[in-house]
């Protein structure tokens, strides 16, 4: 089964948080370190990968919520 990169982030903790969210929905995910740990606790870049068959489900789970009133107009 092939893995695809769903997202990259500059901090590993963010990738770990999203991995836990996916695990709660039984979607297997893994984290790949993309570089060395930087100084001053800034974290290290990482990539979050999922199986190709879970790509769209994972993207929907990790996407921001849409607002109901996206035009900004008030209901009267």
PDB file of N, CA and C in Angstrom:
ATOM      1  N   UNK A   1       0.849  -1.170   0.000  1.00  0.00           N
ATOM      2  CA  UNK A   1       0.000   0.000   0.000  1.00  0.00           C
ATOM      3  C   UNK A   1       0.900   1.241   0.000  1.00  0.00           C
ATOM      4  N   UNK A   2       0.562   2.207  -0.811  1.00  0.00           N
ATOM      5  CA  UNK A   2       1.420   3.385  -0.930  1.00  0.00           C
ATOM      6  C   UNK A   2       0.977   4.487   0.036  1.00  0.00           C
ATOM      7  N   UNK A   3       1.947   5.270   0.464  1.00  0.00           N
ATOM      8  CA  UNK A   3       1.728   6.411   1.349  1.00  0.00           C
ATOM      9  C   UNK A   3       1.836   7.682   0.517  1.00  0.00           C
ATOM     10  N   UNK A   4       1.015   8.677   0.836  1.00  0.00           N
ATOM     11  CA  UNK A   4       1.125   9.978   0.180  1.00  0.00           C
ATOM     12  C   UNK A   4       1.273  11.049   1.261  1.00  0.00           C
ATOM     13  N   UNK A   5       1.965  12.110   0.917  1.00  0.00           N
ATOM     14  CA  UNK A   5       2.144  13.221   1.854  1.00  0.00           C
ATOM     15  C   UNK A   5       0.895  14.081   1.825  1.00  0.00           C
ATOM     16  N   UNK A   6       0.252  14.184   2.960  1.00  0.00           N
ATOM     17  CA  UNK A   6      -0.970  14.962   3.079  1.00  0.00           C
ATOM     18  C   UNK A   6      -0.658  16.428   3.332  1.00  0.00           C
ATOM     19  N   UNK A   7       0.326  16.676   4.187  1.00  0.00           N
ATOM     20  CA  UNK A   7       0.725  18.050   4.486  1.00  0.00           C
ATOM     21  C   UNK A   7       2.125  18.077   5.068  1.00  0.00           C
ATOM     22  N   UNK A   8       2.743  19.227   4.996  1.00  0.00           N
ATOM     23  CA  UNK A   8       4.029  19.453   5.660  1.00  0.00           C
ATOM     24  C   UNK A   8       3.852  20.614   6.631  1.00  0.00           C
ATOM     25  N   UNK A   9       4.614  20.583   7.697  1.00  0.00           N
ATOM     26  CA  UNK A   9       4.522  21.619   8.711  1.00  0.00           C
ATOM     27  C   UNK A   9       5.908  21.927   9.240  1.00  0.00           C
ATOM     28  N   UNK A  10       6.077  23.111   9.769  1.00  0.00           N
ATOM     29  CA  UNK A  10       7.391  23.503  10.283  1.00  0.00           C
ATOM     30  C   UNK A  10       7.616  23.022  11.711  1.00  0.00           C
ATOM     31  N   UNK A  11       6.591  22.483  12.346  1.00  0.00           N
ATOM     32  CA  UNK A  11       6.727  21.971  13.713  1.00  0.00           C
ATOM     33  C   UNK A  11       6.184  20.554  13.808  1.00  0.00           C
ATOM     34  N   UNK A  12       6.957  19.684  14.401  1.00  0.00           N
ATOM     35  CA  UNK A  12       6.567  18.277  14.517  1.00  0.00           C
ATOM     36  C   UNK A  12       5.327  18.096  15.389  1.00  0.00           C
ATOM     37  N   UNK A  13       5.178  18.908  16.435  1.00  0.00           N
ATOM     38  CA  UNK A  13       4.043  18.749  17.331  1.00  0.00           C
ATOM     39  C   UNK A  13       2.723  18.932  16.585  1.00  0.00           C
ATOM     40  N   UNK A  14       2.702  19.807  15.578  1.00  0.00           N
ATOM     41  CA  UNK A  14       1.479  20.010  14.802  1.00  0.00           C
ATOM     42  C   UNK A  14       1.137  18.754  13.999  1.00  0.00           C
ATOM     43  N   UNK A  15       2.148  18.134  13.424  1.00  0.00           N
ATOM     44  CA  UNK A  15       1.941  16.877  12.691  1.00  0.00           C
ATOM     45  C   UNK A  15       1.473  15.776  13.639  1.00  0.00           C
ATOM     46  N   UNK A  16       2.034  15.729  14.855  1.00  0.00           N
ATOM     47  CA  UNK A  16       1.625  14.714  15.827  1.00  0.00           C
ATOM     48  C   UNK A  16       0.174  14.910  16.263  1.00  0.00           C
ATOM     49  N   UNK A  17      -0.238  16.150  16.431  1.00  0.00           N
ATOM     50  CA  UNK A  17      -1.617  16.442  16.811  1.00  0.00           C
ATOM     51  C   UNK A  17      -2.584  15.980  15.723  1.00  0.00           C
ATOM     52  N   UNK A  18      -2.252  16.269  14.486  1.00  0.00           N
ATOM     53  CA  UNK A  18      -3.111  15.849  13.379  1.00  0.00           C
ATOM     54  C   UNK A  18      -3.093  14.333  13.203  1.00  0.00           C
ATOM     55  N   UNK A  19      -1.967  13.710  13.487  1.00  0.00           N
ATOM     56  CA  UNK A  19      -1.889  12.249  13.434  1.00  0.00           C
ATOM     57  C   UNK A  19      -2.820  11.629  14.479  1.00  0.00           C
ATOM     58  N   UNK A  20      -2.886  12.214  15.669  1.00  0.00           N
ATOM     59  CA  UNK A  20      -3.776  11.716  16.713  1.00  0.00           C
ATOM     60  C   UNK A  20      -5.241  11.873  16.321  1.00  0.00           C
ATOM     61  N   UNK A  21      -5.572  12.974  15.661  1.00  0.00           N
ATOM     62  CA  UNK A  21      -6.932  13.181  15.193  1.00  0.00           C
ATOM     63  C   UNK A  21      -7.321  12.117  14.168  1.00  0.00           C
ATOM     64  N   UNK A  22      -6.411  11.817  13.257  1.00  0.00           N
ATOM     65  CA  UNK A  22      -6.681  10.784  12.260  1.00  0.00           C
ATOM     66  C   UNK A  22      -6.787   9.408  12.914  1.00  0.00           C
ATOM     67  N   UNK A  23      -5.946   9.137  13.900  1.00  0.00           N
ATOM     68  CA  UNK A  23      -5.983   7.851  14.598  1.00  0.00           C
ATOM     69  C   UNK A  23      -7.317   7.661  15.314  1.00  0.00           C
ATOM     70  N   UNK A  24      -7.896   8.747  15.815  1.00  0.00           N
ATOM     71  CA  UNK A  24      -9.193   8.661  16.477  1.00  0.00           C
ATOM     72  C   UNK A  24     -10.294   8.226  15.511  1.00  0.00           C
ATOM     73  N   UNK A  25     -10.056   8.416  14.217  1.00  0.00           N
ATOM     74  CA  UNK A  25     -11.007   8.011  13.184  1.00  0.00           C
ATOM     75  C   UNK A  25     -10.532   6.769  12.436  1.00  0.00           C
ATOM     76  N   UNK A  26      -9.593   6.052  13.046  1.00  0.00           N
ATOM     77  CA  UNK A  26      -9.056   4.798  12.490  1.00  0.00           C
ATOM     78  C   UNK A  26      -8.425   4.966  11.116  1.00  0.00           C
ATOM     79  N   UNK A  27      -7.753   6.089  10.915  1.00  0.00           N
ATOM     80  CA  UNK A  27      -7.012   6.323   9.674  1.00  0.00           C
ATOM     81  C   UNK A  27      -5.531   6.232  10.009  1.00  0.00           C
ATOM     82  N   UNK A  28      -4.834   5.235   9.473  1.00  0.00           N
ATOM     83  CA  UNK A  28      -3.407   5.116   9.760  1.00  0.00           C
ATOM     84  C   UNK A  28      -2.622   6.273   9.136  1.00  0.00           C
ATOM     85  N   UNK A  29      -1.703   6.810   9.908  1.00  0.00           N
ATOM     86  CA  UNK A  29      -0.871   7.921   9.445  1.00  0.00           C
ATOM     87  C   UNK A  29       0.524   7.761  10.021  1.00  0.00           C
ATOM     88  N   UNK A  30       1.486   8.360   9.345  1.00  0.00           N
ATOM     89  CA  UNK A  30       2.855   8.351   9.859  1.00  0.00           C
ATOM     90  C   UNK A  30       3.475   9.726   9.646  1.00  0.00           C
ATOM     91  N   UNK A  31       4.493   9.991  10.455  1.00  0.00           N
ATOM     92  CA  UNK A  31       5.187  11.277  10.401  1.00  0.00           C
ATOM     93  C   UNK A  31       6.606  11.032   9.904  1.00  0.00           C
ATOM     94  N   UNK A  32       7.027  11.843   8.953  1.00  0.00           N
ATOM     95  CA  UNK A  32       8.375  11.781   8.410  1.00  0.00           C
ATOM     96  C   UNK A  32       9.093  13.077   8.779  1.00  0.00           C
ATOM     97  N   UNK A  33      10.242  12.957   9.444  1.00  0.00           N
ATOM     98  CA  UNK A  33      11.033  14.141   9.769  1.00  0.00           C
ATOM     99  C   UNK A  33      11.707  14.653   8.504  1.00  0.00           C
ATOM    100  N   UNK A  34      11.629  15.969   8.294  1.00  0.00           N
ATOM    101  CA  UNK A  34      12.187  16.574   7.089  1.00  0.00           C
ATOM    102  C   UNK A  34      13.490  17.325   7.327  1.00  0.00           C
ATOM    103  N   UNK A  35      13.923  17.405   8.549  1.00  0.00           N
ATOM    104  CA  UNK A  35      15.146  18.146   8.820  1.00  0.00           C
ATOM    105  C   UNK A  35      15.614  17.953  10.238  1.00  0.00           C
ATOM    106  N   UNK A  36      16.607  18.721  10.575  1.00  0.00           N
ATOM    107  CA  UNK A  36      17.177  18.640  11.910  1.00  0.00           C
ATOM    108  C   UNK A  36      16.397  19.526  12.871  1.00  0.00           C
ATOM    109  N   UNK A  37      16.443  19.148  14.147  1.00  0.00           N
ATOM    110  CA  UNK A  37      15.800  19.950  15.182  1.00  0.00           C
ATOM    111  C   UNK A  37      16.536  21.274  15.304  1.00  0.00           C
ATOM    112  N   UNK A  38      15.790  22.374  15.295  1.00  0.00           N
ATOM    113  CA  UNK A  38      16.425  23.683  15.412  1.00  0.00           C
ATOM    114  C   UNK A  38      16.605  24.061  16.877  1.00  0.00           C
ATOM    115  N   UNK A  39      17.338  25.117  17.105  1.00  0.00           N
ATOM    116  CA  UNK A  39      17.594  25.589  18.465  1.00  0.00           C
ATOM    117  C   UNK A  39      16.395  26.340  19.024  1.00  0.00           C
ATOM    118  N   UNK A  40      16.406  26.568  20.325  1.00  0.00           N
ATOM    119  CA  UNK A  40      15.418  27.357  21.051  1.00  0.00           C
ATOM    120  C   UNK A  40      14.023  26.746  21.022  1.00  0.00           C
ATOM    121  N   UNK A  41      13.932  25.437  20.869  1.00  0.00           N
ATOM    122  CA  UNK A  41      12.641  24.764  20.940  1.00  0.00           C
ATOM    123  C   UNK A  41      11.678  25.084  19.821  1.00  0.00           C
ATOM    124  N   UNK A  42      12.183  25.529  18.684  1.00  0.00           N
ATOM    125  CA  UNK A  42      11.310  25.906  17.568  1.00  0.00           C
ATOM    126  C   UNK A  42      10.732  24.699  16.850  1.00  0.00           C
ATOM    127  N   UNK A  43      11.240  23.502  17.126  1.00  0.00           N
ATOM    128  CA  UNK A  43      10.710  22.305  16.499  1.00  0.00           C
ATOM    129  C   UNK A  43      11.427  21.971  15.206  1.00  0.00           C
ATOM    130  N   UNK A  44      11.000  20.896  14.602  1.00  0.00           N
ATOM    131  CA  UNK A  44      11.619  20.464  13.355  1.00  0.00           C
ATOM    132  C   UNK A  44      10.526  20.266  12.306  1.00  0.00           C
ATOM    133  N   UNK A  45      10.854  20.501  11.042  1.00  0.00           N
ATOM    134  CA  UNK A  45       9.857  20.302   9.997  1.00  0.00           C
ATOM    135  C   UNK A  45       9.504  18.817   9.852  1.00  0.00           C
ATOM    136  N   UNK A  46       8.240  18.563   9.538  1.00  0.00           N
ATOM    137  CA  UNK A  46       7.774  17.183   9.420  1.00  0.00           C
ATOM    138  C   UNK A  46       6.685  17.103   8.354  1.00  0.00           C
ATOM    139  N   UNK A  47       6.499  15.900   7.831  1.00  0.00           N
ATOM    140  CA  UNK A  47       5.433  15.634   6.870  1.00  0.00           C
ATOM    141  C   UNK A  47       4.500  14.585   7.443  1.00  0.00           C
ATOM    142  N   UNK A  48       3.224  14.751   7.217  1.00  0.00           N
ATOM    143  CA  UNK A  48       2.223  13.795   7.651  1.00  0.00           C
ATOM    144  C   UNK A  48       1.773  13.011   6.430  1.00  0.00           C
ATOM    145  N   UNK A  49       1.873  11.692   6.514  1.00  0.00           N
ATOM    146  CA  UNK A  49       1.508  10.840   5.389  1.00  0.00           C
ATOM    147  C   UNK A  49       0.375   9.897   5.774  1.00  0.00           C
ATOM    148  N   UNK A  50      -0.483   9.612   4.794  1.00  0.00           N
ATOM    149  CA  UNK A  50      -1.574   8.657   4.960  1.00  0.00           C
ATOM    150  C   UNK A  50      -1.579   7.720   3.761  1.00  0.00           C
ATOM    151  N   UNK A  51      -2.310   6.621   3.882  1.00  0.00           N
ATOM    152  CA  UNK A  51      -2.462   5.714   2.748  1.00  0.00           C
ATOM    153  C   UNK A  51      -3.247   6.442   1.665  1.00  0.00           C
ATOM    154  N   UNK A  52      -2.936   6.128   0.422  1.00  0.00           N
ATOM    155  CA  UNK A  52      -3.583   6.823  -0.694  1.00  0.00           C
ATOM    156  C   UNK A  52      -5.103   6.656  -0.669  1.00  0.00           C
ATOM    157  N   UNK A  53      -5.596   5.528  -0.210  1.00  0.00           N
ATOM    158  CA  UNK A  53      -7.048   5.315  -0.170  1.00  0.00           C
ATOM    159  C   UNK A  53      -7.738   6.186   0.876  1.00  0.00           C
ATOM    160  N   UNK A  54      -6.990   6.691   1.869  1.00  0.00           N
ATOM    161  CA  UNK A  54      -7.562   7.529   2.928  1.00  0.00           C
ATOM    162  C   UNK A  54      -7.358   9.013   2.697  1.00  0.00           C
ATOM    163  N   UNK A  55      -6.828   9.384   1.558  1.00  0.00           N
ATOM    164  CA  UNK A  55      -6.459  10.780   1.296  1.00  0.00           C
ATOM    165  C   UNK A  55      -7.638  11.743   1.479  1.00  0.00           C
ATOM    166  N   UNK A  56      -8.742  11.495   0.807  1.00  0.00           N
ATOM    167  CA  UNK A  56      -9.847  12.455   0.833  1.00  0.00           C
ATOM    168  C   UNK A  56     -10.542  12.498   2.184  1.00  0.00           C
ATOM    169  N   UNK A  57     -10.664  11.382   2.834  1.00  0.00           N
ATOM    170  CA  UNK A  57     -11.257  11.369   4.174  1.00  0.00           C
ATOM    171  C   UNK A  57     -10.391  12.170   5.136  1.00  0.00           C
ATOM    172  N   UNK A  58      -9.075  11.967   5.057  1.00  0.00           N
ATOM    173  CA  UNK A  58      -8.159  12.698   5.938  1.00  0.00           C
ATOM    174  C   UNK A  58      -8.184  14.195   5.646  1.00  0.00           C
ATOM    175  N   UNK A  59      -8.234  14.558   4.373  1.00  0.00           N
ATOM    176  CA  UNK A  59      -8.295  15.984   4.027  1.00  0.00           C
ATOM    177  C   UNK A  59      -9.570  16.632   4.563  1.00  0.00           C
ATOM    178  N   UNK A  60     -10.681  15.923   4.480  1.00  0.00           N
ATOM    179  CA  UNK A  60     -11.930  16.470   5.025  1.00  0.00           C
ATOM    180  C   UNK A  60     -11.872  16.616   6.539  1.00  0.00           C
ATOM    181  N   UNK A  61     -11.290  15.639   7.222  1.00  0.00           N
ATOM    182  CA  UNK A  61     -11.190  15.711   8.682  1.00  0.00           C
ATOM    183  C   UNK A  61     -10.276  16.848   9.139  1.00  0.00           C
ATOM    184  N   UNK A  62      -9.235  17.122   8.382  1.00  0.00           N
ATOM    185  CA  UNK A  62      -8.261  18.135   8.798  1.00  0.00           C
ATOM    186  C   UNK A  62      -8.548  19.521   8.228  1.00  0.00           C
ATOM    187  N   UNK A  63      -9.552  19.635   7.376  1.00  0.00           N
ATOM    188  CA  UNK A  63      -9.851  20.935   6.768  1.00  0.00           C
ATOM    189  C   UNK A  63     -10.565  21.838   7.774  1.00  0.00           C
ATOM    190  N   UNK A  64     -10.402  23.150   7.628  1.00  0.00           N
ATOM    191  CA  UNK A  64     -11.088  24.071   8.537  1.00  0.00           C
ATOM    192  C   UNK A  64     -12.594  24.043   8.293  1.00  0.00           C
ATOM    193  N   UNK A  65     -13.350  24.377   9.317  1.00  0.00           N
ATOM    194  CA  UNK A  65     -14.804  24.408   9.193  1.00  0.00           C
ATOM    195  C   UNK A  65     -15.226  25.573   8.310  1.00  0.00           C
ATOM    196  N   UNK A  66     -16.258  25.352   7.518  1.00  0.00           N
ATOM    197  CA  UNK A  66     -16.807  26.424   6.704  1.00  0.00           C
ATOM    198  C   UNK A  66     -17.823  27.195   7.528  1.00  0.00           C
ATOM    199  N   UNK A  67     -17.828  28.503   7.320  1.00  0.00           N
ATOM    200  CA  UNK A  67     -18.823  29.323   8.014  1.00  0.00           C
ATOM    201  C   UNK A  67     -20.111  29.302   7.206  1.00  0.00           C
ATOM    202  N   UNK A  68     -21.248  29.349   7.906  1.00  0.00           N
ATOM    203  CA  UNK A  68     -22.537  29.299   7.225  1.00  0.00           C
ATOM    204  C   UNK A  68     -22.769  30.530   6.367  1.00  0.00           C
ATOM    205  N   UNK A  69     -22.400  31.680   6.873  1.00  0.00           N
ATOM    206  CA  UNK A  69     -22.657  32.934   6.175  1.00  0.00           C
ATOM    207  C   UNK A  69     -21.335  33.452   5.632  1.00  0.00           C
ATOM    208  N   UNK A  70     -20.877  32.922   4.504  1.00  0.00           N
ATOM    209  CA  UNK A  70     -19.565  33.285   3.980  1.00  0.00           C
ATOM    210  C   UNK A  70     -19.569  34.595   3.218  1.00  0.00           C
ATOM    211  N   UNK A  71     -20.760  35.150   2.852  1.00  0.00           N
ATOM    212  CA  UNK A  71     -20.816  36.401   2.096  1.00  0.00           C
ATOM    213  C   UNK A  71     -20.701  37.621   2.991  1.00  0.00           C
ATOM    214  N   UNK A  72     -20.970  37.452   4.263  1.00  0.00           N
ATOM    215  CA  UNK A  72     -20.884  38.573   5.189  1.00  0.00           C
ATOM    216  C   UNK A  72     -22.167  39.367   5.271  1.00  0.00           C
ATOM    217  N   UNK A  73     -23.163  39.040   4.454  1.00  0.00           N
ATOM    218  CA  UNK A  73     -24.443  39.737   4.484  1.00  0.00           C
ATOM    219  C   UNK A  73     -25.279  39.240   5.655  1.00  0.00           C
ATOM    220  N   UNK A  74     -26.000  40.145   6.290  1.00  0.00           N
ATOM    221  CA  UNK A  74     -26.835  39.755   7.420  1.00  0.00           C
ATOM    222  C   UNK A  74     -28.198  39.319   6.933  1.00  0.00           C
ATOM    223  N   UNK A  75     -28.790  38.349   7.624  1.00  0.00           N
ATOM    224  CA  UNK A  75     -30.149  37.928   7.300  1.00  0.00           C
ATOM    225  C   UNK A  75     -31.122  38.949   7.849  1.00  0.00           C
ATOM    226  N   UNK A  76     -32.161  39.256   7.060  1.00  0.00           N
ATOM    227  CA  UNK A  76     -33.163  40.229   7.535  1.00  0.00           C
ATOM    228  C   UNK A  76     -34.525  39.616   7.595  1.00  0.00           C
TER     229      UNK A  76
END
